[in-house]
PDB file of N, CA and C in Angstrom:
ATOM      1  N   MET A   1     -52.619 -97.473  -4.597  1.00  0.00           N
ATOM      2  CA  MET A   1     -52.168 -96.589  -5.515  1.00  0.00           C
ATOM      3  C   MET A   1     -52.582 -95.239  -5.171  1.00  0.00           C
ATOM      4  N   SER A   2     -53.640 -94.821  -4.377  1.00  0.00           N
ATOM      5  CA  SER A   2     -53.896 -93.421  -3.814  1.00  0.00           C
ATOM      6  C   SER A   2     -52.599 -93.049  -2.725  1.00  0.00           C
ATOM      7  N   ARG A   3     -51.956 -93.803  -2.116  1.00  0.00           N
ATOM      8  CA  ARG A   3     -50.977 -93.997  -1.102  1.00  0.00           C
ATOM      9  C   ARG A   3     -49.610 -93.341  -2.268  1.00  0.00           C
ATOM     10  N   ILE A   4     -49.377 -94.050  -3.394  1.00  0.00           N
ATOM     11  CA  ILE A   4     -48.355 -93.579  -4.073  1.00  0.00           C
ATOM     12  C   ILE A   4     -48.730 -92.274  -4.718  1.00  0.00           C
ATOM     13  N   PHE A   5     -49.745 -92.062  -4.861  1.00  0.00           N
ATOM     14  CA  PHE A   5     -49.975 -90.677  -5.687  1.00  0.00           C
ATOM     15  C   PHE A   5     -49.867 -89.514  -4.674  1.00  0.00           C
ATOM     16  N   PHE A   6     -50.259 -89.612  -3.477  1.00  0.00           N
ATOM     17  CA  PHE A   6     -49.992 -88.940  -2.249  1.00  0.00           C
ATOM     18  C   PHE A   6     -48.620 -88.610  -2.074  1.00  0.00           C
ATOM     19  N   LEU A   7     -47.993 -89.690  -2.121  1.00  0.00           N
ATOM     20  CA  LEU A   7     -46.327 -89.397  -1.606  1.00  0.00           C
ATOM     21  C   LEU A   7     -45.500 -88.666  -2.823  1.00  0.00           C
ATOM     22  N   LEU A   8     -46.188 -89.061  -4.399  1.00  0.00           N
ATOM     23  CA  LEU A   8     -45.652 -88.199  -5.347  1.00  0.00           C
ATOM     24  C   LEU A   8     -46.045 -86.868  -5.308  1.00  0.00           C
ATOM     25  N   ILE A   9     -47.160 -86.385  -4.760  1.00  0.00           N
ATOM     26  CA  ILE A   9     -47.615 -84.998  -4.570  1.00  0.00           C
ATOM     27  C   ILE A   9     -46.916 -84.411  -3.465  1.00  0.00           C
ATOM     28  N   MET A  10     -46.434 -85.238  -2.239  1.00  0.00           N
ATOM     29  CA  MET A  10     -45.923 -84.463  -1.107  1.00  0.00           C
ATOM     30  C   MET A  10     -44.149 -84.498  -1.832  1.00  0.00           C
ATOM     31  N   MET A  11     -43.642 -85.380  -2.566  1.00  0.00           N
ATOM     32  CA  MET A  11     -42.229 -84.916  -2.970  1.00  0.00           C
ATOM     33  C   MET A  11     -42.193 -83.893  -3.799  1.00  0.00           C
ATOM     34  N   GLY A  12     -43.284 -83.487  -4.789  1.00  0.00           N
ATOM     35  CA  GLY A  12     -43.334 -82.416  -5.480  1.00  0.00           C
ATOM     36  C   GLY A  12     -43.229 -81.304  -4.901  1.00  0.00           C
ATOM     37  N   LEU A  13     -44.317 -81.191  -3.749  1.00  0.00           N
ATOM     38  CA  LEU A  13     -44.500 -79.924  -2.744  1.00  0.00           C
ATOM     39  C   LEU A  13     -42.944 -79.637  -2.322  1.00  0.00           C
ATOM     40  N   ILE A  14     -42.364 -80.523  -1.606  1.00  0.00           N
ATOM     41  CA  ILE A  14     -41.226 -80.318  -1.112  1.00  0.00           C
ATOM     42  C   ILE A  14     -39.838 -80.028  -2.040  1.00  0.00           C
ATOM     43  N   SER A  15     -39.848 -80.568  -3.038  1.00  0.00           N
ATOM     44  CA  SER A  15     -38.974 -79.709  -4.007  1.00  0.00           C
ATOM     45  C   SER A  15     -39.463 -78.475  -4.631  1.00  0.00           C
ATOM     46  N   LEU A  16     -40.593 -78.336  -4.602  1.00  0.00           N
ATOM     47  CA  LEU A  16     -40.884 -76.882  -4.797  1.00  0.00           C
ATOM     48  C   LEU A  16     -40.393 -75.743  -3.729  1.00  0.00           C
ATOM     49  N   THR A  17     -40.560 -76.237  -2.540  1.00  0.00           N
ATOM     50  CA  THR A  17     -40.561 -75.465  -1.232  1.00  0.00           C
ATOM     51  C   THR A  17     -38.951 -75.174  -1.265  1.00  0.00           C
ATOM     52  N   ALA A  18     -37.968 -76.399  -1.694  1.00  0.00           N
ATOM     53  CA  ALA A  18     -36.924 -76.185  -1.415  1.00  0.00           C
ATOM     54  C   ALA A  18     -36.328 -75.203  -2.737  1.00  0.00           C
ATOM     55  N   CYS A  19     -36.975 -75.355  -3.676  1.00  0.00           N
ATOM     56  CA  CYS A  19     -36.454 -74.123  -4.997  1.00  0.00           C
ATOM     57  C   CYS A  19     -36.904 -72.861  -4.542  1.00  0.00           C
ATOM     58  N   THR A  20     -37.751 -72.640  -3.811  1.00  0.00           N
ATOM     59  CA  THR A  20     -38.183 -71.246  -3.516  1.00  0.00           C
ATOM     60  C   THR A  20     -37.210 -70.887  -2.400  1.00  0.00           C
ATOM     61  N   TYR A  21     -37.012 -71.751  -1.504  1.00  0.00           N
ATOM     62  CA  TYR A  21     -35.722 -71.360  -0.418  1.00  0.00           C
ATOM     63  C   TYR A  21     -34.545 -70.814  -1.010  1.00  0.00           C
ATOM     64  N   VAL A  22     -33.952 -71.756  -2.002  1.00  0.00           N
ATOM     65  CA  VAL A  22     -32.605 -71.409  -2.803  1.00  0.00           C
ATOM     66  C   VAL A  22     -32.896 -70.171  -3.104  1.00  0.00           C
ATOM     67  N   LYS A  23     -33.926 -69.804  -3.777  1.00  0.00           N
ATOM     68  CA  LYS A  23     -33.996 -68.630  -4.837  1.00  0.00           C
ATOM     69  C   LYS A  23     -33.947 -67.380  -3.812  1.00  0.00           C
ATOM     70  N   GLU A  24     -34.350 -67.275  -2.592  1.00  0.00           N
ATOM     71  CA  GLU A  24     -34.580 -66.398  -1.918  1.00  0.00           C
ATOM     72  C   GLU A  24     -33.129 -65.899  -1.130  1.00  0.00           C
ATOM     73  N   TYR A  25     -32.189 -66.880  -1.008  1.00  0.00           N
ATOM     74  CA  TYR A  25     -30.856 -66.588  -0.544  1.00  0.00           C
ATOM     75  C   TYR A  25     -29.646 -66.605  -1.610  1.00  0.00           C
ATOM     76  N   VAL A  26     -30.153 -67.027  -3.051  1.00  0.00           N
ATOM     77  CA  VAL A  26     -29.018 -66.732  -3.871  1.00  0.00           C
ATOM     78  C   VAL A  26     -28.986 -65.080  -4.618  1.00  0.00           C
ATOM     79  N   LYS A  27     -27.968 -64.438  -4.536  1.00  0.00           N
ATOM     80  CA  LYS A  27     -27.871 -63.167  -5.107  1.00  0.00           C
ATOM     81  C   LYS A  27     -28.037 -63.404  -6.658  1.00  0.00           C
ATOM     82  N   PRO A  28     -28.751 -62.436  -7.388  1.00  0.00           N
ATOM     83  CA  PRO A  28     -28.698 -62.474  -8.697  1.00  0.00           C
ATOM     84  C   PRO A  28     -27.261 -62.323  -9.353  1.00  0.00           C
ATOM     85  N   PRO A  29     -27.140 -62.708 -10.511  1.00  0.00           N
ATOM     86  CA  PRO A  29     -25.809 -62.499 -11.211  1.00  0.00           C
ATOM     87  C   PRO A  29     -25.159 -60.814 -10.840  1.00  0.00           C
ATOM     88  N   GLU A  30     -25.939 -59.790 -11.281  1.00  0.00           N
ATOM     89  CA  GLU A  30     -25.743 -58.589 -11.454  1.00  0.00           C
ATOM     90  C   GLU A  30     -25.503 -58.074  -9.955  1.00  0.00           C
ATOM     91  N   ASP A  31     -25.858 -58.802  -8.947  1.00  0.00           N
ATOM     92  CA  ASP A  31     -25.538 -58.081  -7.564  1.00  0.00           C
ATOM     93  C   ASP A  31     -23.948 -58.723  -7.232  1.00  0.00           C
ATOM     94  N   ASN A  32     -23.438 -59.841  -7.932  1.00  0.00           N
ATOM     95  CA  ASN A  32     -22.381 -60.266  -7.453  1.00  0.00           C
ATOM     96  C   ASN A  32     -21.254 -59.415  -8.112  1.00  0.00           C
ATOM     97  N   LEU A  33     -21.609 -58.630  -9.279  1.00  0.00           N
ATOM     98  CA  LEU A  33     -20.627 -57.779 -10.113  1.00  0.00           C
ATOM     99  C   LEU A  33     -20.347 -56.523  -9.504  1.00  0.00           C
ATOM    100  N   THR A  34     -21.163 -56.109  -8.517  1.00  0.00           N
ATOM    101  CA  THR A  34     -21.218 -54.790  -7.925  1.00  0.00           C
ATOM    102  C   THR A  34     -20.022 -54.689  -7.097  1.00  0.00           C
ATOM    103  N   PRO A  35     -19.236 -53.364  -7.378  1.00  0.00           N
ATOM    104  CA  PRO A  35     -18.068 -53.376  -6.341  1.00  0.00           C
ATOM    105  C   PRO A  35     -18.114 -53.190  -4.990  1.00  0.00           C
ATOM    106  N   ASP A  36     -17.508 -53.473  -4.022  1.00  0.00           N
ATOM    107  CA  ASP A  36     -17.603 -53.295  -2.948  1.00  0.00           C
ATOM    108  C   ASP A  36     -17.712 -51.858  -2.343  1.00  0.00           C
ATOM    109  N   PRO A  37     -18.314 -51.435  -1.694  1.00  0.00           N
ATOM    110  CA  PRO A  37     -18.473 -49.848  -1.125  1.00  0.00           C
ATOM    111  C   PRO A  37     -17.242 -49.700  -0.283  1.00  0.00           C
ATOM    112  N   TYR A  38     -16.794 -50.324   0.364  1.00  0.00           N
ATOM    113  CA  TYR A  38     -15.233 -50.048   1.097  1.00  0.00           C
ATOM    114  C   TYR A  38     -14.312 -50.508   0.164  1.00  0.00           C
ATOM    115  N   MET A  39     -13.303 -49.776  -0.277  1.00  0.00           N
ATOM    116  CA  MET A  39     -11.922 -50.244  -0.936  1.00  0.00           C
ATOM    117  C   MET A  39     -11.041 -50.818   0.393  1.00  0.00           C
ATOM    118  N   SER A  40     -10.089 -51.578   0.211  1.00  0.00           N
ATOM    119  CA  SER A  40      -9.435 -52.229   1.181  1.00  0.00           C
ATOM    120  C   SER A  40      -8.306 -50.920   1.472  1.00  0.00           C
ATOM    121  N   ASN A  41      -7.813 -51.075   3.033  1.00  0.00           N
ATOM    122  CA  ASN A  41      -6.951 -49.594   3.032  1.00  0.00           C
ATOM    123  C   ASN A  41      -5.926 -49.516   2.309  1.00  0.00           C
ATOM    124  N   SER A  42      -5.112 -50.769   2.107  1.00  0.00           N
ATOM    125  CA  SER A  42      -3.708 -50.643   1.253  1.00  0.00           C
ATOM    126  C   SER A  42      -4.093 -50.068  -0.076  1.00  0.00           C
ATOM    127  N   VAL A  43      -5.424 -50.267  -0.810  1.00  0.00           N
ATOM    128  CA  VAL A  43      -5.596 -49.730  -1.925  1.00  0.00           C
ATOM    129  C   VAL A  43      -5.769 -48.439  -2.000  1.00  0.00           C
ATOM    130  N   VAL A  44      -6.509 -47.815  -0.956  1.00  0.00           N
ATOM    131  CA  VAL A  44      -6.681 -46.323  -0.883  1.00  0.00           C
ATOM    132  C   VAL A  44      -5.222 -45.833  -0.464  1.00  0.00           C
ATOM    133  N   THR A  45      -4.439 -46.338   0.404  1.00  0.00           N
ATOM    134  CA  THR A  45      -3.294 -45.825   0.659  1.00  0.00           C
ATOM    135  C   THR A  45      -2.281 -45.771  -0.602  1.00  0.00           C
ATOM    136  N   ALA A  46      -2.314 -46.770  -1.458  1.00  0.00           N
ATOM    137  CA  ALA A  46      -1.615 -46.773  -2.571  1.00  0.00           C
ATOM    138  C   ALA A  46      -2.131 -45.572  -3.551  1.00  0.00           C
ATOM    139  N   LYS A  47      -3.438 -45.346  -3.755  1.00  0.00           N
ATOM    140  CA  LYS A  47      -3.786 -44.388  -4.818  1.00  0.00           C
ATOM    141  C   LYS A  47      -3.201 -43.072  -4.015  1.00  0.00           C
ATOM    142  N   VAL A  48      -3.515 -42.757  -2.400  1.00  0.00           N
ATOM    143  CA  VAL A  48      -3.091 -41.459  -2.249  1.00  0.00           C
ATOM    144  C   VAL A  48      -1.880 -41.450  -2.348  1.00  0.00           C
ATOM    145  N   LYS A  49      -0.647 -42.023  -2.306  1.00  0.00           N
ATOM    146  CA  LYS A  49       0.790 -41.924  -2.398  1.00  0.00           C
ATOM    147  C   LYS A  49       1.089 -41.668  -4.011  1.00  0.00           C
ATOM    148  N   ALA A  50       0.179 -42.284  -4.939  1.00  0.00           N
ATOM    149  CA  ALA A  50       0.530 -42.172  -6.050  1.00  0.00           C
ATOM    150  C   ALA A  50      -0.085 -40.710  -6.548  1.00  0.00           C
ATOM    151  N   ALA A  51      -1.284 -40.453  -6.229  1.00  0.00           N
ATOM    152  CA  ALA A  51      -1.640 -38.937  -6.301  1.00  0.00           C
ATOM    153  C   ALA A  51      -0.405 -38.055  -5.933  1.00  0.00           C
ATOM    154  N   PHE A  52       0.116 -37.974  -4.573  1.00  0.00           N
ATOM    155  CA  PHE A  52       0.799 -37.153  -4.060  1.00  0.00           C
ATOM    156  C   PHE A  52       2.076 -37.167  -5.083  1.00  0.00           C
ATOM    157  N   ILE A  53       3.052 -38.434  -5.605  1.00  0.00           N
ATOM    158  CA  ILE A  53       3.818 -38.556  -6.503  1.00  0.00           C
ATOM    159  C   ILE A  53       3.372 -37.849  -7.760  1.00  0.00           C
ATOM    160  N   SER A  54       2.296 -37.806  -8.288  1.00  0.00           N
ATOM    161  CA  SER A  54       1.878 -37.414  -9.825  1.00  0.00           C
ATOM    162  C   SER A  54       1.528 -35.831  -9.575  1.00  0.00           C
ATOM    163  N   ASP A  55       1.645 -35.286  -8.414  1.00  0.00           N
ATOM    164  CA  ASP A  55       1.114 -33.892  -8.199  1.00  0.00           C
ATOM    165  C   ASP A  55       2.508 -33.066  -8.590  1.00  0.00           C
ATOM    166  N   PRO A  56       2.435 -32.159  -9.495  1.00  0.00           N
ATOM    167  CA  PRO A  56       3.737 -31.276  -9.845  1.00  0.00           C
ATOM    168  C   PRO A  56       3.807 -30.146  -8.887  1.00  0.00           C
ATOM    169  N   TYR A  57       3.144 -29.982  -8.047  1.00  0.00           N
ATOM    170  CA  TYR A  57       3.281 -28.683  -7.040  1.00  0.00           C
ATOM    171  C   TYR A  57       3.460 -29.275  -5.348  1.00  0.00           C
ATOM    172  N   LEU A  58       3.291 -30.753  -5.556  1.00  0.00           N
ATOM    173  CA  LEU A  58       3.682 -31.372  -4.161  1.00  0.00           C
ATOM    174  C   LEU A  58       5.073 -32.011  -3.993  1.00  0.00           C
ATOM    175  N   LYS A  59       6.382 -31.606  -3.592  1.00  0.00           N
ATOM    176  CA  LYS A  59       7.505 -32.207  -3.990  1.00  0.00           C
ATOM    177  C   LYS A  59       7.930 -32.554  -2.750  1.00  0.00           C
ATOM    178  N   ASN A  60       7.439 -33.783  -1.999  1.00  0.00           N
ATOM    179  CA  ASN A  60       7.725 -33.868  -0.737  1.00  0.00           C
ATOM    180  C   ASN A  60       7.327 -35.392  -0.474  1.00  0.00           C
ATOM    181  N   ASP A  61       8.387 -36.517  -0.214  1.00  0.00           N
ATOM    182  CA  ASP A  61       8.511 -37.700   0.137  1.00  0.00           C
ATOM    183  C   ASP A  61       8.080 -37.781   1.513  1.00  0.00           C
ATOM    184  N   ALA A  62       8.189 -37.052   2.374  1.00  0.00           N
ATOM    185  CA  ALA A  62       8.325 -37.153   4.030  1.00  0.00           C
ATOM    186  C   ALA A  62       6.937 -37.181   4.479  1.00  0.00           C
ATOM    187  N   ILE A  63       5.893 -37.388   3.901  1.00  0.00           N
ATOM    188  CA  ILE A  63       4.273 -37.628   4.260  1.00  0.00           C
ATOM    189  C   ILE A  63       3.892 -39.098   4.308  1.00  0.00           C
ATOM    190  N   SER A  64       3.566 -39.258   5.322  1.00  0.00           N
ATOM    191  CA  SER A  64       3.086 -40.636   5.687  1.00  0.00           C
ATOM    192  C   SER A  64       1.662 -40.770   5.856  1.00  0.00           C
ATOM    193  N   VAL A  65       0.891 -41.997   4.907  1.00  0.00           N
ATOM    194  CA  VAL A  65      -0.163 -41.925   4.917  1.00  0.00           C
ATOM    195  C   VAL A  65      -0.857 -43.125   5.308  1.00  0.00           C
ATOM    196  N   ASN A  66      -1.873 -43.117   6.636  1.00  0.00           N
ATOM    197  CA  ASN A  66      -2.453 -44.356   7.154  1.00  0.00           C
ATOM    198  C   ASN A  66      -3.918 -44.069   6.791  1.00  0.00           C
ATOM    199  N   VAL A  67      -4.445 -45.589   6.653  1.00  0.00           N
ATOM    200  CA  VAL A  67      -5.824 -45.420   6.014  1.00  0.00           C
ATOM    201  C   VAL A  67      -6.403 -46.260   7.022  1.00  0.00           C
ATOM    202  N   HIS A  68      -7.750 -46.269   7.219  1.00  0.00           N
ATOM    203  CA  HIS A  68      -8.610 -47.011   8.139  1.00  0.00           C
ATOM    204  C   HIS A  68     -10.156 -46.783   7.757  1.00  0.00           C
ATOM    205  N   ARG A  69     -10.511 -47.481   7.458  1.00  0.00           N
ATOM    206  CA  ARG A  69     -12.125 -47.841   6.432  1.00  0.00           C
ATOM    207  C   ARG A  69     -12.399 -46.194   5.884  1.00  0.00           C
ATOM    208  N   GLY A  70     -11.324 -45.994   4.954  1.00  0.00           N
ATOM    209  CA  GLY A  70     -11.659 -44.874   4.114  1.00  0.00           C
ATOM    210  C   GLY A  70     -11.331 -43.538   4.636  1.00  0.00           C
ATOM    211  N   ARG A  71     -10.748 -43.651   5.952  1.00  0.00           N
ATOM    212  CA  ARG A  71     -10.312 -42.530   6.908  1.00  0.00           C
ATOM    213  C   ARG A  71      -8.920 -42.078   6.628  1.00  0.00           C
ATOM    214  N   VAL A  72      -8.416 -41.047   6.247  1.00  0.00           N
ATOM    215  CA  VAL A  72      -6.924 -40.921   5.828  1.00  0.00           C
ATOM    216  C   VAL A  72      -6.540 -39.955   6.964  1.00  0.00           C
ATOM    217  N   GLN A  73      -5.195 -40.533   7.444  1.00  0.00           N
ATOM    218  CA  GLN A  73      -4.489 -39.621   8.405  1.00  0.00           C
ATOM    219  C   GLN A  73      -3.036 -39.488   7.700  1.00  0.00           C
ATOM    220  N   LEU A  74      -2.916 -38.247   7.385  1.00  0.00           N
ATOM    221  CA  LEU A  74      -1.647 -37.666   6.989  1.00  0.00           C
ATOM    222  C   LEU A  74      -0.681 -36.989   8.210  1.00  0.00           C
ATOM    223  N   SER A  75       0.620 -37.567   8.017  1.00  0.00           N
ATOM    224  CA  SER A  75       1.661 -37.017   9.317  1.00  0.00           C
ATOM    225  C   SER A  75       2.862 -37.188   8.424  1.00  0.00           C
ATOM    226  N   GLY A  76       3.893 -36.129   9.007  1.00  0.00           N
ATOM    227  CA  GLY A  76       5.144 -36.155   8.579  1.00  0.00           C
ATOM    228  C   GLY A  76       5.520 -34.704   8.514  1.00  0.00           C
ATOM    229  N   PHE A  77       6.537 -34.127   7.676  1.00  0.00           N
ATOM    230  CA  PHE A  77       6.915 -32.669   7.632  1.00  0.00           C
ATOM    231  C   PHE A  77       6.541 -32.301   6.166  1.00  0.00           C
ATOM    232  N   VAL A  78       6.409 -30.921   5.836  1.00  0.00           N
ATOM    233  CA  VAL A  78       6.313 -30.551   4.621  1.00  0.00           C
ATOM    234  C   VAL A  78       6.964 -29.023   5.045  1.00  0.00           C
ATOM    235  N   ASP A  79       7.112 -28.526   3.781  1.00  0.00           N
ATOM    236  CA  ASP A  79       8.047 -27.004   3.660  1.00  0.00           C
ATOM    237  C   ASP A  79       7.300 -25.948   3.994  1.00  0.00           C
ATOM    238  N   ASN A  80       6.026 -25.751   3.711  1.00  0.00           N
ATOM    239  CA  ASN A  80       5.088 -24.647   3.898  1.00  0.00           C
ATOM    240  C   ASN A  80       3.787 -25.260   4.155  1.00  0.00           C
ATOM    241  N   LYS A  81       2.826 -24.118   4.636  1.00  0.00           N
ATOM    242  CA  LYS A  81       1.494 -24.266   4.585  1.00  0.00           C
ATOM    243  C   LYS A  81       0.828 -24.807   3.558  1.00  0.00           C
ATOM    244  N   LYS A  82       0.920 -24.398   2.368  1.00  0.00           N
ATOM    245  CA  LYS A  82       0.520 -24.491   0.902  1.00  0.00           C
ATOM    246  C   LYS A  82       0.830 -25.871   0.802  1.00  0.00           C
ATOM    247  N   GLU A  83       1.915 -26.610   1.310  1.00  0.00           N
ATOM    248  CA  GLU A  83       2.302 -27.912   0.554  1.00  0.00           C
ATOM    249  C   GLU A  83       1.087 -28.761   1.847  1.00  0.00           C
ATOM    250  N   SER A  84       0.880 -28.290   2.838  1.00  0.00           N
ATOM    251  CA  SER A  84      -0.055 -29.139   4.036  1.00  0.00           C
ATOM    252  C   SER A  84      -1.618 -29.054   3.176  1.00  0.00           C
ATOM    253  N   LYS A  85      -1.993 -27.878   2.941  1.00  0.00           N
ATOM    254  CA  LYS A  85      -3.027 -27.657   2.285  1.00  0.00           C
ATOM    255  C   LYS A  85      -3.198 -28.509   1.122  1.00  0.00           C
ATOM    256  N   ARG A  86      -2.139 -28.438   0.150  1.00  0.00           N
ATOM    257  CA  ARG A  86      -2.437 -29.099  -1.298  1.00  0.00           C
ATOM    258  C   ARG A  86      -2.605 -30.658  -0.763  1.00  0.00           C
ATOM    259  N   ALA A  87      -1.678 -31.335   0.463  1.00  0.00           N
ATOM    260  CA  ALA A  87      -1.703 -32.601   0.549  1.00  0.00           C
ATOM    261  C   ALA A  87      -3.007 -33.217   1.063  1.00  0.00           C
ATOM    262  N   THR A  88      -3.751 -32.365   1.755  1.00  0.00           N
ATOM    263  CA  THR A  88      -5.273 -32.593   2.261  1.00  0.00           C
ATOM    264  C   THR A  88      -6.066 -32.642   1.022  1.00  0.00           C
ATOM    265  N   GLN A  89      -5.958 -31.583   0.118  1.00  0.00           N
ATOM    266  CA  GLN A  89      -6.999 -31.668  -0.839  1.00  0.00           C
ATOM    267  C   GLN A  89      -6.475 -32.721  -2.017  1.00  0.00           C
ATOM    268  N   ILE A  90      -5.241 -33.202  -2.122  1.00  0.00           N
ATOM    269  CA  ILE A  90      -5.192 -34.385  -3.072  1.00  0.00           C
ATOM    270  C   ILE A  90      -5.844 -35.445  -2.678  1.00  0.00           C
ATOM    271  N   ALA A  91      -5.470 -35.873  -1.098  1.00  0.00           N
ATOM    272  CA  ALA A  91      -6.005 -37.076  -0.541  1.00  0.00           C
ATOM    273  C   ALA A  91      -7.438 -37.006  -0.344  1.00  0.00           C
ATOM    274  N   ALA A  92      -8.105 -35.808  -0.442  1.00  0.00           N
ATOM    275  CA  ALA A  92      -9.648 -35.866  -0.386  1.00  0.00           C
ATOM    276  C   ALA A  92     -10.113 -36.114  -1.770  1.00  0.00           C
ATOM    277  N   SER A  93      -9.603 -35.812  -2.820  1.00  0.00           N
ATOM    278  CA  SER A  93      -9.729 -36.281  -4.008  1.00  0.00           C
ATOM    279  C   SER A  93      -9.641 -37.740  -4.438  1.00  0.00           C
ATOM    280  N   VAL A  94      -9.174 -38.460  -3.701  1.00  0.00           N
ATOM    281  CA  VAL A  94      -9.056 -40.017  -4.230  1.00  0.00           C
ATOM    282  C   VAL A  94     -10.212 -40.572  -4.131  1.00  0.00           C
ATOM    283  N   PRO A  95     -10.643 -41.431  -5.011  1.00  0.00           N
ATOM    284  CA  PRO A  95     -11.891 -42.498  -4.328  1.00  0.00           C
ATOM    285  C   PRO A  95     -11.652 -43.567  -3.512  1.00  0.00           C
ATOM    286  N   GLY A  96     -12.592 -43.517  -2.768  1.00  0.00           N
ATOM    287  CA  GLY A  96     -12.600 -44.540  -1.490  1.00  0.00           C
ATOM    288  C   GLY A  96     -12.211 -43.645  -0.153  1.00  0.00           C
ATOM    289  N   VAL A  97     -12.006 -42.202  -0.438  1.00  0.00           N
ATOM    290  CA  VAL A  97     -11.366 -41.333   0.809  1.00  0.00           C
ATOM    291  C   VAL A  97     -12.611 -40.829   1.323  1.00  0.00           C
ATOM    292  N   LEU A  98     -12.851 -41.254   2.732  1.00  0.00           N
ATOM    293  CA  LEU A  98     -14.206 -40.763   3.113  1.00  0.00           C
ATOM    294  C   LEU A  98     -13.917 -39.152   3.805  1.00  0.00           C
ATOM    295  N   SER A  99     -12.720 -39.272   4.570  1.00  0.00           N
ATOM    296  CA  SER A  99     -12.198 -38.218   5.543  1.00  0.00           C
ATOM    297  C   SER A  99     -10.838 -38.100   5.420  1.00  0.00           C
ATOM    298  N   VAL A 100     -10.430 -36.861   5.558  1.00  0.00           N
ATOM    299  CA  VAL A 100      -8.745 -36.721   5.879  1.00  0.00           C
ATOM    300  C   VAL A 100      -8.460 -36.011   7.268  1.00  0.00           C
ATOM    301  N   LYS A 101      -7.471 -36.127   7.936  1.00  0.00           N
ATOM    302  CA  LYS A 101      -7.126 -35.871   9.085  1.00  0.00           C
ATOM    303  C   LYS A 101      -5.657 -35.465   8.835  1.00  0.00           C
ATOM    304  N   ASN A 102      -5.281 -34.149   8.723  1.00  0.00           N
ATOM    305  CA  ASN A 102      -4.118 -33.639   8.604  1.00  0.00           C
ATOM    306  C   ASN A 102      -3.160 -33.209   9.701  1.00  0.00           C
ATOM    307  N   ASN A 103      -2.261 -34.067  10.021  1.00  0.00           N
ATOM    308  CA  ASN A 103      -1.341 -33.691  11.109  1.00  0.00           C
ATOM    309  C   ASN A 103       0.052 -33.521  10.580  1.00  0.00           C
ATOM    310  N   LEU A 104       0.266 -32.953   9.644  1.00  0.00           N
ATOM    311  CA  LEU A 104       1.555 -32.380   9.026  1.00  0.00           C
ATOM    312  C   LEU A 104       2.184 -31.311   9.839  1.00  0.00           C
ATOM    313  N   ILE A 105       3.319 -31.417   9.925  1.00  0.00           N
ATOM    314  CA  ILE A 105       4.178 -30.294  10.621  1.00  0.00           C
ATOM    315  C   ILE A 105       4.876 -29.416   9.574  1.00  0.00           C
ATOM    316  N   VAL A 106       4.688 -28.059   9.727  1.00  0.00           N
ATOM    317  CA  VAL A 106       5.535 -27.271   8.803  1.00  0.00           C
ATOM    318  C   VAL A 106       6.722 -27.027   9.466  1.00  0.00           C
ATOM    319  N   LYS A 107       7.829 -27.398   8.302  1.00  0.00           N
ATOM    320  CA  LYS A 107       9.411 -27.292   9.149  1.00  0.00           C
ATOM    321  C   LYS A 107       9.835 -25.688   9.173  1.00  0.00           C
TER     322      LYS A 107
END
């Protein structure tokens, strides 16, 4: 009888230990809903290009946008320095952009 009682207590302790182990490694539901701190490169690229298209002062589709881990590189040709500076400002204002490297060439 005491042997069965001992086995039941041990099984209970083991199951409690297993529950504690699982609790430590399962994220709470609210953590699963938080956004990823790094947006994908393609999402940031699309947002920068969309911002260029929607800007009334930047009338140039010869700007190439490359993104790697939030770092944007602009290349291509613009008509003047004002457009070059404006492109940098627009790209920097897009969510997910950490830095902008402007390699634009003025025609």
